[in-house]
Protein backbone atom coordinates (compact mmCIF):
# COMPACT_ATOMS: atom_id res chain seq x y z
CA MET A 1 104.09 79.93 80.45
CA LEU A 2 102.41 81.21 83.65
CA LEU A 3 101.25 84.34 81.84
CA ALA A 4 99.86 82.18 79.04
CA ARG A 5 97.99 80.06 81.60
CA ALA A 6 96.49 83.20 83.12
CA PHE A 7 95.48 84.47 79.70
CA ARG A 8 93.64 81.22 79.00
CA ARG A 9 92.00 81.11 82.43
CA ARG A 10 90.54 84.59 81.99
CA ARG A 11 87.65 82.91 80.17
CA GLU A 12 86.59 81.32 83.46
CA LEU A 13 85.85 84.73 84.98
CA THR A 14 82.51 86.53 84.69
CA LEU A 15 82.53 90.22 85.55
CA ILE A 16 79.98 91.11 88.25
CA ALA A 17 80.96 94.67 89.22
CA ASP A 18 83.55 96.80 87.42
CA ARG A 19 85.06 99.81 89.22
CA THR A 20 88.48 99.52 87.57
CA GLY A 21 87.83 102.72 85.65
CA GLY A 22 88.31 104.54 88.94
CA ILE A 23 91.84 103.22 89.51
CA ALA A 24 94.20 106.18 89.75
CA LYS A 25 97.86 106.14 88.79
CA ASP A 26 99.29 105.74 92.29
CA ASP A 27 96.53 103.62 93.83
CA ILE A 28 97.53 100.58 95.84
CA LEU A 29 95.49 97.56 94.78
CA CYS A 30 94.48 94.51 96.81
CA LEU A 31 93.67 91.20 95.13
CA MET A 32 91.95 88.14 96.61
CA THR A 33 90.26 84.94 95.61
CA ILE A 34 87.51 84.11 98.11
CA ARG A 35 84.84 81.54 98.79
CA ASN A 36 82.23 81.87 101.56
CA GLU A 37 83.99 84.63 103.50
CA ALA A 38 81.01 86.84 104.42
CA LEU A 39 82.01 86.54 108.08
CA ARG A 40 85.56 87.85 107.57
CA LEU A 41 85.18 90.28 104.69
CA PRO A 42 83.82 93.38 106.51
CA PHE A 43 86.82 93.55 108.86
CA VAL A 44 89.39 92.53 106.24
CA LEU A 45 88.19 95.16 103.77
CA GLU A 46 88.04 97.91 106.38
CA HIS A 47 91.46 97.09 107.85
CA HIS A 48 93.17 97.29 104.48
CA ARG A 49 91.22 100.40 103.50
CA ARG A 50 92.58 102.06 106.63
CA LEU A 51 96.08 100.98 105.62
CA GLY A 52 95.67 102.73 102.27
CA VAL A 53 94.32 100.21 99.75
CA ARG A 54 92.23 102.17 97.25
CA GLN A 55 90.82 99.42 95.03
CA PHE A 56 90.06 95.73 95.61
CA LEU A 57 90.02 93.24 92.72
CA ILE A 58 88.32 90.08 93.98
CA VAL A 59 87.43 86.75 92.41
CA ASP A 60 84.50 84.98 94.05
CA ASN A 61 84.82 81.21 93.65
CA ASP A 62 81.11 80.38 93.72
CA SER A 63 80.23 81.50 97.26
CA THR A 64 76.91 80.42 98.72
CA ASP A 65 76.89 82.54 101.90
CA GLY A 66 76.18 86.01 100.47
CA SER A 67 79.84 86.99 99.95
CA ARG A 68 79.22 87.84 96.29
CA GLU A 69 76.32 90.15 97.07
CA LEU A 70 78.25 91.81 99.90
CA LEU A 71 81.23 92.50 97.64
CA ALA A 72 79.14 93.72 94.71
CA ASP A 73 77.78 96.50 96.95
CA GLN A 74 81.23 97.84 97.91
CA PRO A 75 82.11 101.03 95.98
CA ASP A 76 85.84 100.19 95.86
CA VAL A 77 85.51 96.52 94.82
CA SER A 78 85.67 95.15 91.29
CA LEU A 79 84.27 91.64 91.37
CA TRP A 80 84.49 88.57 89.16
CA HIS A 81 82.72 85.24 89.64
CA THR A 82 83.80 81.75 88.67
CA ALA A 83 82.56 78.25 89.40
CA ALA A 84 85.76 76.71 87.96
CA SER A 85 88.20 74.64 90.00
CA TYR A 86 90.29 76.53 92.53
CA LYS A 87 92.94 73.78 92.47
CA ALA A 88 93.11 73.69 88.65
CA SER A 89 93.68 77.46 88.56
CA ARG A 90 96.85 77.02 90.66
CA PHE A 91 94.77 77.74 93.76
CA GLY A 92 93.40 80.96 92.29
CA MET A 93 96.74 82.37 91.15
CA ASP A 94 95.95 82.06 87.42
CA TRP A 95 92.87 84.25 87.90
CA LEU A 96 94.72 86.84 89.97
CA THR A 97 97.68 86.85 87.60
CA TRP A 98 95.31 87.77 84.79
CA LEU A 99 93.81 90.62 86.83
CA MET A 100 97.28 91.96 87.68
CA LEU A 101 98.36 91.59 84.07
CA ARG A 102 95.31 93.63 83.04
CA HIS A 103 95.08 96.19 85.85
CA GLY A 104 98.15 95.98 88.11
CA HIS A 105 101.06 97.09 85.92
CA GLY A 106 102.96 99.90 87.67
CA HIS A 107 100.91 99.63 90.87
CA TRP A 108 101.88 98.28 94.25
CA CYS A 109 99.69 95.18 94.47
CA LEU A 110 98.81 93.44 97.74
CA THR A 111 97.73 89.81 97.23
CA LEU A 112 96.01 88.20 100.22
CA ASP A 113 93.80 85.40 101.40
CA ALA A 114 90.65 86.54 103.17
CA ASP A 115 91.97 85.19 106.48
CA GLU A 116 95.16 87.28 106.34
CA ILE A 117 95.66 90.70 107.93
CA LEU A 118 98.78 92.61 106.88
CA ILE A 119 100.68 94.56 109.49
CA TYR A 120 104.16 96.10 109.32
CA PRO A 121 106.31 98.44 111.43
CA HIS A 122 104.39 101.58 112.46
CA TRP A 123 101.26 100.39 110.64
CA GLN A 124 98.87 102.22 112.97
CA THR A 125 100.45 105.60 112.18
CA ARG A 126 102.03 105.16 108.74
CA PRO A 127 99.76 104.11 105.86
CA LEU A 128 100.80 101.85 103.02
CA PRO A 129 101.81 104.75 100.72
CA ALA A 130 104.44 105.74 103.30
CA LEU A 131 105.74 102.18 103.33
CA THR A 132 105.76 101.79 99.55
CA ASN A 133 107.49 105.18 99.14
CA TRP A 134 110.19 103.92 101.52
CA LEU A 135 110.52 100.66 99.59
CA ASP A 136 110.79 102.60 96.31
CA ARG A 137 113.57 104.76 97.73
CA GLN A 138 115.43 101.68 98.93
CA GLY A 139 115.10 99.98 95.55
CA GLN A 140 113.12 97.19 97.22
CA PRO A 141 110.35 96.15 94.76
CA ALA A 142 108.65 93.70 97.12
CA LEU A 143 107.84 93.25 100.80
CA GLY A 144 108.32 89.91 102.49
CA ALA A 145 105.99 88.83 105.29
CA LEU A 146 105.83 85.94 107.73
CA THR A 147 102.50 84.23 108.33
CA VAL A 148 101.75 84.10 112.06
CA ASP A 149 98.96 81.69 113.04
CA LEU A 150 96.68 83.15 115.72
CA TYR A 151 94.42 80.96 117.84
CA PRO A 152 92.15 81.10 120.92
CA GLU A 153 93.00 79.91 124.42
CA GLY A 154 90.40 77.14 124.34
CA PRO A 155 88.93 74.93 121.59
CA VAL A 156 89.08 76.50 118.12
CA SER A 157 85.27 76.59 117.96
CA GLN A 158 84.98 78.68 121.12
CA GLY A 159 83.47 82.14 121.25
CA SER A 160 81.19 84.14 119.03
CA TYR A 161 82.23 86.17 116.01
CA ARG A 162 80.06 88.55 113.98
CA PRO A 163 80.89 90.29 110.69
CA GLY A 164 82.96 93.39 111.39
CA ASP A 165 84.35 92.18 114.72
CA ASN A 166 88.11 92.31 115.21
CA PRO A 167 89.30 88.68 115.02
CA LEU A 168 92.16 89.48 117.39
CA ASP A 169 89.60 89.86 120.18
CA LEU A 170 89.17 86.07 119.98
CA LEU A 171 92.50 84.93 118.57
CA GLY A 172 94.98 86.28 121.08
CA TRP A 173 97.77 83.68 121.03
CA PHE A 174 100.57 82.52 118.72
CA ASP A 175 103.76 80.43 118.70
CA ALA A 176 106.80 82.67 118.91
CA GLY A 177 109.44 80.06 118.12
CA ASN A 178 110.02 76.68 116.44
CA HIS A 179 110.65 78.19 112.98
CA GLN A 180 112.88 76.50 110.41
CA VAL A 181 114.39 78.68 107.68
CA LYS A 182 116.08 77.67 104.42
CA VAL A 183 116.90 79.42 101.16
CA GLN A 184 115.61 77.63 98.06
CA PRO A 185 118.54 77.77 95.60
CA LYS A 186 116.49 77.61 92.40
CA MET A 187 114.12 80.52 93.13
CA GLN A 188 116.29 82.27 95.76
CA ASN A 189 113.25 82.52 98.03
CA LEU A 190 113.05 81.77 101.74
CA TRP A 191 111.28 78.63 102.92
CA ILE A 192 110.02 79.05 106.47
CA GLN A 193 107.98 76.48 108.39
CA GLY A 194 106.86 76.28 111.99
CA GLY A 195 104.30 78.00 114.17
CA ALA A 196 101.15 76.54 115.65
CA ARG A 197 100.12 74.40 112.68
CA ALA A 198 103.52 72.73 112.46
CA ARG A 199 103.50 72.01 116.21
CA ALA A 200 99.92 70.80 116.46
CA PHE A 201 99.40 68.97 113.17
CA PHE A 202 102.79 68.14 111.63
CA SER A 203 105.07 67.37 114.58
CA ALA A 204 105.95 63.96 113.10
CA THR A 205 106.53 65.35 109.60
CA PRO A 206 107.69 68.97 110.06
CA ARG A 207 108.83 69.32 106.44
CA LYS A 208 105.22 68.80 105.34
CA ALA A 209 103.97 71.70 107.45
CA PRO A 210 102.53 74.77 105.71
CA THR A 211 104.97 77.30 104.27
CA LEU A 212 104.85 80.56 106.24
CA ASN A 213 106.94 82.97 104.14
CA LYS A 214 105.06 85.11 101.64
CA ILE A 215 105.73 88.07 99.37
CA PRO A 216 102.29 89.72 99.39
CA LEU A 217 103.19 93.29 98.36
CA VAL A 218 104.92 93.90 95.01
CA ARG A 219 105.33 96.85 92.67
CA TRP A 220 103.83 94.93 89.79
CA HIS A 221 104.98 94.62 86.21
CA TRP A 222 102.95 92.82 83.59
CA ARG A 223 105.81 90.34 83.08
CA TYR A 224 105.73 89.16 86.72
CA ALA A 225 103.96 86.05 87.99
CA TYR A 226 103.57 84.24 91.27
CA VAL A 227 104.84 80.67 91.06
CA ASN A 228 103.55 79.05 94.24
CA SER A 229 100.76 80.98 95.96
CA THR A 230 102.53 84.17 97.08
CA HIS A 231 105.54 82.22 98.38
CA SER A 232 107.70 82.89 95.31
CA LEU A 233 107.75 84.98 92.14
CA LEU A 234 109.24 85.21 88.71
CA PRO A 235 111.68 86.72 87.96
CA PRO A 236 113.62 85.18 90.90
CA ARG A 237 115.26 88.49 91.87
CA LEU A 238 111.90 89.53 93.37
CA ASN A 239 112.24 86.76 95.95
CA ARG A 240 115.27 88.37 97.60
CA VAL A 241 113.22 90.12 100.28
CA TYR A 242 115.86 89.25 102.88
CA ALA A 243 119.34 90.68 103.51
CA THR A 244 122.44 88.58 102.92
CA ASP A 245 124.92 90.93 104.58
CA GLY A 246 123.93 90.30 108.19
CA GLY A 247 121.33 93.06 108.25
CA MET A 248 117.57 92.86 107.71
CA LEU A 249 115.29 94.36 105.09
CA THR A 250 111.97 95.92 105.98
CA SER A 251 109.34 93.19 106.36
CA GLY A 252 105.84 92.63 107.66
CA VAL A 253 103.59 89.95 109.14
CA LEU A 254 100.39 88.37 107.91
CA LEU A 255 98.23 87.71 110.96
CA HIS A 256 96.47 84.46 110.05
CA THR A 257 92.90 84.27 111.37
CA LYS A 258 92.06 80.78 110.12
CA PHE A 259 90.97 79.57 113.56
CA LEU A 260 87.83 81.66 114.02
CA PRO A 261 84.62 79.93 115.16
CA GLY A 262 83.23 77.99 112.23
CA ILE A 263 86.58 76.37 111.41
CA VAL A 264 85.27 72.92 112.38
CA ASP A 265 82.40 72.92 109.87
CA ARG A 266 84.55 74.62 107.26
CA SER A 267 87.31 72.03 107.60
CA ARG A 268 84.80 69.25 107.13
CA GLU A 269 83.55 70.93 103.93
CA GLU A 270 87.01 71.62 102.53
CA LYS A 271 88.18 68.06 103.14
CA ALA A 272 85.21 66.85 101.09
CA ARG A 273 85.83 69.41 98.30
CA GLY A 274 89.55 68.62 98.05
CA GLU A 275 90.30 71.97 96.41
CA HIS A 276 92.92 73.43 98.74
CA PHE A 277 95.88 71.07 98.57
CA ALA A 278 97.69 69.34 95.73
CA ASP A 279 98.01 66.17 97.82
CA GLY A 280 94.64 65.71 99.47
CA ALA A 281 95.62 62.46 101.17
CA GLN A 282 98.54 64.17 102.89
CA TYR A 283 96.19 66.65 104.54
CA ALA A 284 93.34 64.24 105.41
CA SER A 285 94.58 63.80 108.98
CA TYR A 286 95.09 67.57 109.25
CA TYR A 287 91.43 68.18 108.45
CA ASP A 288 90.38 65.34 110.75
CA ARG A 289 92.24 66.99 113.63
CA LEU A 290 90.53 70.30 112.90
CA THR A 291 87.07 68.76 112.81
CA ALA A 292 87.80 67.29 116.26
CA ASP A 293 87.83 70.89 117.64
CA PRO A 294 91.39 70.92 119.03
CA VAL A 295 92.91 73.20 121.64
CA LEU A 296 96.01 74.79 120.05
CA HIS A 297 97.03 76.72 123.16
CA SER A 298 99.98 75.15 124.96
CA PRO A 299 102.78 76.10 127.38
CA ALA A 300 104.66 77.28 124.27
CA SER A 301 101.98 79.88 123.45
CA THR A 302 102.63 83.63 123.59
CA ARG A 303 99.93 86.28 123.96
CA TYR A 304 99.96 88.69 121.01
CA THR A 305 100.51 92.34 121.97
CA GLY A 306 101.46 94.12 118.74
CA TRP A 307 104.02 94.71 116.02
CA ARG A 308 106.81 95.83 118.36
CA GLN A 309 106.59 92.46 120.10
CA LEU A 310 106.88 90.69 116.73
CA GLU A 311 109.88 92.83 115.82
CA ALA A 312 111.58 92.05 119.14
CA LEU A 313 111.04 88.35 118.46
CA GLY A 314 112.64 88.68 115.01
CA LEU A 315 109.41 87.92 113.14
CA MET A 316 109.38 91.28 111.32
CA SER A 317 111.89 94.07 110.79
CA ARG A 318 111.95 97.82 110.30
CA GLY A 319 115.11 97.39 108.22
CA GLY A 320 116.19 100.99 108.77
CA TRP A 321 112.68 102.47 108.39
CA VAL A 322 112.41 104.60 111.51
């Protein structure tokens, strides 16, 4: 059914720039749906190029800030445009499922939001092909990752950010604890909530806080499909990115850079558009808090220092990859 949805939704996509003919057999692909991300894209593209991504397949959801033109000029980006509803496309997943169905079979595919930066153990010295080779040898077809919300010390609008800057120069803090973890019996996936957004915006209703567990990196097969963003997949066996024997499998972290300057105006716009959440009323107060320019830093905040710190805190694992 999800593959059929993606097949139908392909008609909503207009090809802008096609470099898929240059995809080589072992290339790692990165897929994104974006809207008005010209500020973030230069750093996000370059970071993941350095990791080892060779081709980007990106859907532009009717940007008005020059994102489409920026992406069309990139020699390793294939670009599609759509003005269709992000929410109606399962928040972009129908479009990306079609692109993976068409181009991703047999490749390791990394599916991200534009405000996510993948890191993993040894990422500065070991590129993605080293990681995926390890996962292949371990018979691990997917990599789990925890979303870690980063934020500034002062109001979320503070500071100045230019395209290409490292967002971590502004967003130096995160919440190291307060995570709740469950296993969803039906899909066998983890369900993790907590972090800064749960503390600051959902303290009264913690079970309505954003889901932090994702499975962004998968050796793709044309029969696969994401069910709920990148939180869970079909077939369910792909969701077992955690160990059940007391050990830990290799995992990563998605550094979440949502709280860059500009978040106040963007939150106001997204509340009006109503395209990002299935229950818009539930998140109205969340957007209202963001437009009030909150300070997320608190006595519970921890300064971010690197992947070894996250491993020591139990937020990622080498899982035997040394």
